[in-house]
Protein backbone atom coordinates (compact mmCIF):
# COMPACT_ATOMS: atom_id res chain seq x y z
CA MET A 1 -39.82 -32.71 -28.99
CA LYS A 2 -39.15 -36.42 -29.17
CA ILE A 3 -37.32 -37.71 -32.48
CA VAL A 4 -39.30 -40.91 -33.35
CA VAL A 5 -38.19 -43.43 -35.77
CA ILE A 6 -40.93 -45.98 -36.88
CA THR A 7 -40.71 -48.93 -39.51
CA GLY A 8 -43.48 -49.97 -41.56
CA GLY A 9 -45.74 -46.93 -40.40
CA SER A 10 -47.42 -46.63 -43.88
CA SER A 11 -50.29 -48.69 -42.83
CA GLY A 12 -52.15 -50.75 -40.37
CA ILE A 13 -51.12 -50.63 -36.66
CA GLY A 14 -47.89 -48.55 -37.55
CA LEU A 15 -49.94 -46.10 -39.62
CA GLY A 16 -52.03 -45.71 -36.30
CA ALA A 17 -49.10 -45.15 -34.07
CA VAL A 18 -47.52 -42.49 -36.89
CA LYS A 19 -51.23 -40.78 -36.24
CA ALA A 20 -50.85 -40.70 -32.39
CA LEU A 21 -47.14 -39.87 -32.32
CA VAL A 22 -47.80 -36.56 -34.40
CA SER A 23 -50.68 -35.60 -32.81
CA SER A 24 -48.37 -35.63 -29.49
CA GLY A 25 -45.82 -33.42 -31.08
CA CYS A 26 -43.07 -35.52 -31.97
CA ARG A 27 -41.05 -35.26 -35.09
CA VAL A 28 -41.69 -38.72 -36.94
CA TYR A 29 -39.41 -40.54 -39.52
CA GLU A 30 -41.09 -43.33 -41.31
CA LEU A 31 -39.17 -46.03 -42.98
CA SER A 32 -40.89 -48.46 -45.44
CA ARG A 33 -40.42 -49.85 -48.76
CA ARG A 34 -43.88 -48.33 -50.33
CA ASP A 35 -44.24 -44.86 -50.99
CA PHE A 36 -46.19 -42.83 -48.27
CA GLU A 37 -47.05 -39.15 -47.46
CA TYR A 38 -48.58 -37.91 -44.08
CA LYS A 39 -48.42 -34.31 -42.86
CA GLY A 40 -45.50 -33.96 -40.43
CA VAL A 41 -43.98 -36.79 -41.12
CA LYS A 42 -40.65 -37.48 -43.03
CA HIS A 43 -40.77 -40.88 -45.21
CA ILE A 44 -37.78 -42.56 -46.35
CA LYS A 45 -37.79 -45.72 -48.48
CA LEU A 46 -36.07 -48.52 -46.95
CA ASP A 47 -35.86 -52.34 -47.19
CA VAL A 48 -35.08 -53.42 -43.42
CA THR A 49 -33.28 -56.46 -44.70
CA ASP A 50 -31.09 -53.95 -46.24
CA GLU A 51 -28.19 -53.74 -43.52
CA PRO A 52 -25.75 -51.21 -45.22
CA GLU A 53 -28.96 -49.14 -46.11
CA VAL A 54 -30.31 -49.36 -42.71
CA LYS A 55 -27.16 -47.93 -41.53
CA ARG A 56 -26.67 -45.37 -43.86
CA VAL A 57 -30.51 -43.88 -43.30
CA ILE A 58 -30.01 -44.10 -39.55
CA LYS A 59 -26.73 -42.10 -39.63
CA SER A 60 -28.56 -39.46 -42.02
CA ILE A 61 -31.42 -39.05 -39.35
CA VAL A 62 -28.94 -38.44 -36.55
CA LEU A 63 -26.61 -36.07 -38.57
CA ALA A 64 -30.22 -34.15 -39.39
CA GLU A 65 -31.65 -34.28 -35.84
CA GLY A 66 -28.64 -35.16 -33.42
CA ARG A 67 -30.14 -37.79 -31.74
CA ILE A 68 -33.04 -40.37 -32.08
CA ASP A 69 -35.25 -40.77 -28.93
CA ILE A 70 -37.72 -43.40 -30.00
CA LEU A 71 -37.39 -46.49 -32.40
CA ILE A 72 -40.40 -48.58 -33.00
CA ASN A 73 -39.84 -51.77 -35.01
CA CYS A 74 -42.99 -52.39 -36.65
CA ALA A 75 -42.30 -53.43 -40.25
CA GLY A 76 -43.30 -57.21 -40.93
CA TYR A 77 -45.48 -59.59 -42.65
CA GLY A 78 -46.95 -62.85 -42.40
CA ILE A 79 -47.16 -66.11 -44.19
CA SER A 80 -49.45 -69.24 -43.55
CA GLY A 81 -49.12 -72.81 -44.48
CA ALA A 82 -48.16 -76.16 -43.28
CA VAL A 83 -44.67 -76.62 -42.07
CA GLU A 84 -44.16 -79.65 -44.30
CA PHE A 85 -44.98 -77.81 -47.58
CA THR A 86 -43.36 -74.73 -46.65
CA GLU A 87 -40.31 -73.80 -49.03
CA LEU A 88 -37.21 -73.02 -46.59
CA GLU A 89 -36.44 -69.73 -48.51
CA GLN A 90 -39.85 -68.67 -47.83
CA ALA A 91 -39.66 -69.36 -44.32
CA LYS A 92 -36.07 -67.83 -44.28
CA ARG A 93 -37.57 -64.43 -45.71
CA GLN A 94 -40.10 -64.63 -43.11
CA LEU A 95 -37.59 -64.50 -40.41
CA ASP A 96 -35.48 -62.09 -42.19
CA VAL A 97 -38.02 -59.37 -42.21
CA ASN A 98 -39.93 -60.02 -39.16
CA PHE A 99 -36.92 -60.93 -36.65
CA PHE A 100 -33.58 -59.68 -38.65
CA GLY A 101 -35.02 -56.67 -39.84
CA VAL A 102 -35.71 -55.51 -36.18
CA VAL A 103 -32.14 -56.51 -35.29
CA ASN A 104 -30.53 -54.58 -38.54
CA VAL A 105 -32.35 -51.44 -37.41
CA THR A 106 -31.86 -51.65 -33.61
CA LYS A 107 -28.20 -52.38 -33.73
CA ALA A 108 -27.81 -49.39 -36.15
CA VAL A 109 -29.62 -47.16 -33.49
CA LEU A 110 -28.00 -48.28 -30.52
CA PRO A 111 -24.65 -46.52 -30.73
CA TYR A 112 -26.19 -42.99 -30.80
CA MET A 113 -28.70 -44.31 -28.03
CA ARG A 114 -25.62 -45.41 -25.88
CA LYS A 115 -23.84 -42.17 -26.65
CA CYS A 116 -26.94 -39.81 -25.63
CA LYS A 117 -27.51 -42.24 -22.52
CA ARG A 118 -31.09 -42.56 -23.27
CA GLY A 119 -33.33 -43.89 -25.68
CA ARG A 120 -36.53 -46.07 -25.95
CA ILE A 121 -37.02 -49.21 -27.95
CA VAL A 122 -40.33 -50.60 -28.76
CA ASN A 123 -40.46 -53.92 -30.80
CA ILE A 124 -43.87 -55.26 -32.20
CA SER A 125 -44.20 -58.93 -31.52
CA SER A 126 -47.65 -60.78 -31.60
CA VAL A 127 -49.85 -62.83 -28.90
CA ALA A 128 -48.90 -65.57 -31.34
CA ALA A 129 -45.53 -65.52 -29.69
CA TYR A 130 -47.17 -66.79 -26.57
CA ALA A 131 -49.60 -69.21 -28.35
CA PRO A 132 -47.89 -70.30 -31.49
CA ILE A 133 -50.65 -70.74 -34.50
CA PRO A 134 -50.59 -73.95 -36.39
CA PHE A 135 -50.19 -73.35 -39.92
CA GLN A 136 -48.85 -69.68 -39.12
CA THR A 137 -45.73 -71.57 -37.52
CA TYR A 138 -42.96 -69.28 -39.05
CA TYR A 139 -44.79 -65.93 -38.21
CA SER A 140 -45.56 -67.28 -34.61
CA VAL A 141 -41.54 -68.15 -34.72
CA SER A 142 -40.45 -65.00 -35.85
CA LYS A 143 -42.77 -63.05 -33.02
CA ALA A 144 -41.23 -65.43 -30.02
CA ALA A 145 -37.92 -64.36 -31.33
CA ILE A 146 -38.87 -60.70 -30.97
CA ASN A 147 -39.69 -61.56 -27.64
CA ALA A 148 -36.54 -63.08 -26.37
CA TYR A 149 -34.70 -60.57 -28.24
CA SER A 150 -36.55 -57.86 -26.50
CA GLU A 151 -35.94 -59.15 -22.96
CA ALA A 152 -32.51 -60.20 -23.53
CA LEU A 153 -31.71 -56.71 -24.81
CA PHE A 154 -33.41 -55.02 -21.92
CA ASN A 155 -30.77 -55.64 -19.50
CA GLU A 156 -27.92 -55.37 -21.77
CA VAL A 157 -28.48 -51.86 -22.50
CA LYS A 158 -30.39 -50.88 -19.38
CA PRO A 159 -27.14 -49.59 -17.68
CA TYR A 160 -26.91 -46.85 -20.58
CA GLY A 161 -30.37 -45.15 -20.00
CA ILE A 162 -32.06 -47.29 -23.04
CA SER A 163 -35.26 -49.00 -22.24
CA VAL A 164 -36.78 -51.85 -24.47
CA THR A 165 -40.05 -53.22 -24.51
CA SER A 166 -41.87 -55.57 -26.73
CA VAL A 167 -45.65 -55.04 -27.63
CA MET A 168 -47.98 -57.97 -28.50
CA PRO A 169 -51.19 -57.19 -30.18
CA GLY A 170 -53.93 -59.46 -30.79
CA ASP A 171 -56.52 -59.61 -33.70
CA ILE A 172 -56.34 -56.04 -35.34
CA LYS A 173 -58.37 -55.06 -38.40
CA THR A 174 -55.88 -53.90 -40.90
CA GLY A 175 -54.78 -54.69 -44.36
CA PHE A 176 -52.28 -57.51 -42.99
CA SER A 177 -54.87 -60.28 -43.74
CA ALA A 178 -54.80 -59.78 -47.37
CA ALA A 179 -51.18 -59.20 -47.52
CA ARG A 180 -50.51 -62.52 -46.04
CA VAL A 181 -48.88 -65.10 -48.15
CA LYS A 182 -50.99 -67.99 -47.93
CA SER A 183 -49.96 -71.34 -49.25
CA PHE A 184 -52.59 -74.48 -49.25
CA GLU A 185 -50.16 -76.92 -50.97
CA GLY A 186 -50.80 -80.14 -48.89
CA ASP A 187 -54.53 -79.10 -47.80
CA LYS A 188 -55.91 -82.77 -48.93
CA GLU A 189 -53.24 -84.29 -46.92
CA TYR A 190 -54.02 -82.36 -43.85
CA ASN A 191 -57.93 -83.10 -44.52
CA GLY A 192 -58.81 -79.16 -44.84
CA ARG A 193 -57.44 -78.01 -41.92
CA ILE A 194 -54.95 -75.43 -43.62
CA THR A 195 -58.01 -73.72 -45.08
CA ARG A 196 -60.10 -73.74 -41.83
CA SER A 197 -57.55 -72.32 -39.67
CA VAL A 198 -56.43 -69.53 -42.13
CA ARG A 199 -60.44 -68.64 -42.52
CA LYS A 200 -60.45 -68.76 -38.46
CA MET A 201 -57.73 -66.56 -38.20
CA GLU A 202 -58.80 -64.10 -40.87
CA LYS A 203 -62.34 -63.81 -39.30
CA ASP A 204 -60.84 -63.10 -35.97
CA GLU A 205 -58.46 -60.50 -37.56
CA ALA A 206 -61.67 -58.82 -39.48
CA GLU A 207 -63.68 -58.87 -36.47
CA GLY A 208 -60.45 -57.39 -34.28
CA MET A 209 -59.65 -54.13 -32.88
CA ASP A 210 -59.43 -50.95 -34.88
CA ALA A 211 -55.82 -50.31 -36.17
CA ASP A 212 -55.76 -46.63 -34.74
CA GLU A 213 -56.63 -47.80 -31.54
CA ALA A 214 -53.62 -50.18 -31.41
CA GLY A 215 -51.55 -47.73 -32.80
CA ASP A 216 -52.32 -45.31 -30.34
CA TYR A 217 -51.70 -47.72 -27.58
CA ILE A 218 -48.17 -48.04 -28.94
CA ALA A 219 -47.72 -44.57 -29.02
CA LYS A 220 -48.35 -44.29 -25.83
CA ILE A 221 -45.85 -47.15 -24.55
CA ALA A 222 -43.11 -45.30 -26.65
CA LEU A 223 -43.84 -42.12 -24.63
CA LYS A 224 -44.22 -43.61 -21.02
CA LYS A 225 -41.44 -42.65 -18.66
CA ARG A 226 -40.85 -46.21 -17.73
CA VAL A 227 -41.99 -49.42 -19.44
CA LYS A 228 -42.23 -53.23 -18.59
CA PRO A 229 -40.33 -55.58 -20.71
CA ILE A 230 -43.74 -56.99 -22.61
CA TYR A 231 -47.00 -55.71 -23.01
CA SER A 232 -50.13 -57.21 -24.73
CA ILE A 233 -52.94 -54.83 -26.55
CA GLY A 234 -56.16 -55.30 -25.34
CA PHE A 235 -57.81 -56.95 -22.01
CA SER A 236 -58.69 -60.12 -23.67
CA TYR A 237 -55.20 -60.66 -24.59
CA LYS A 238 -53.74 -59.73 -21.68
CA ALA A 239 -55.61 -62.69 -20.40
CA VAL A 240 -54.66 -64.99 -22.99
CA SER A 241 -50.96 -63.94 -22.49
CA VAL A 242 -51.40 -64.72 -18.58
CA LEU A 243 -53.22 -67.90 -19.29
CA CYS A 244 -50.38 -69.18 -21.95
CA MET A 245 -47.85 -68.62 -19.12
CA ILE A 246 -49.46 -70.18 -16.20
CA LEU A 247 -51.27 -73.22 -17.79
CA PRO A 248 -49.44 -76.53 -18.21
CA PRO A 249 -48.06 -76.67 -21.87
CA ARG A 250 -50.39 -79.90 -22.72
CA VAL A 251 -53.58 -77.45 -21.72
CA LYS A 252 -52.55 -74.65 -23.81
CA THR A 253 -52.05 -76.66 -26.76
CA TRP A 254 -55.11 -78.29 -26.66
CA LEU A 255 -56.72 -75.05 -26.47
CA ILE A 256 -54.62 -73.85 -29.53
CA TRP A 257 -55.74 -77.07 -31.31
CA LYS A 258 -59.43 -76.34 -30.27
CA LEU A 259 -59.32 -72.98 -31.90
CA TYR A 260 -56.73 -73.38 -35.05
CA GLY A 261 -55.65 -77.05 -35.32
């Protein structure tokens, strides 16, 4: 039986992954700030930005189970708005949750995985890491940071039997859109482009992949024998990821401009 720790598993694709992991016979610990109940899952209330509490919770799980086989970092949220009008504290909070939350939990888990000489870490990124979205800049930055972090960590911990991968969803139909912290300050100065861009991305999300389908994909990656450093969810987003890597930057930014600029 695999011992799995997942952050942000109380809703959206995280919940989809929880369901799939439980169905696969895993013992799942779900860590999030909201109250949560699901049969076969041990929920622990936790803010991933609280490093001392993260260390305490991870230690308590290892004491109870003897090990952690899989960590899935799924906790996160989004903000939108023009860079010029985004308060610095709001931008820092975005990075603190989405990126440093991953760092806190991963750092707490690594010593135990290293001693066991095995483990799997799955970090949830976004296609926005490869195709940064205007007026969702800090969210895109946080996900690009996760990709770079995961790829570098992949080689740091490989000799200890620990594998690291980053999974990039595209547009997923979840409550993420409603929970997004939106700012339309400066919309007049930007000729209504903030409103149009946010409407476009939220329309795409509303028509996107089902959260349970995305969660099932994440669970399968977590349970694979071997993993690649980066995955995209869905054929169209795999194609987008490849295009973003091979297209000249000028062409890539022009395409993103046509969609969201």
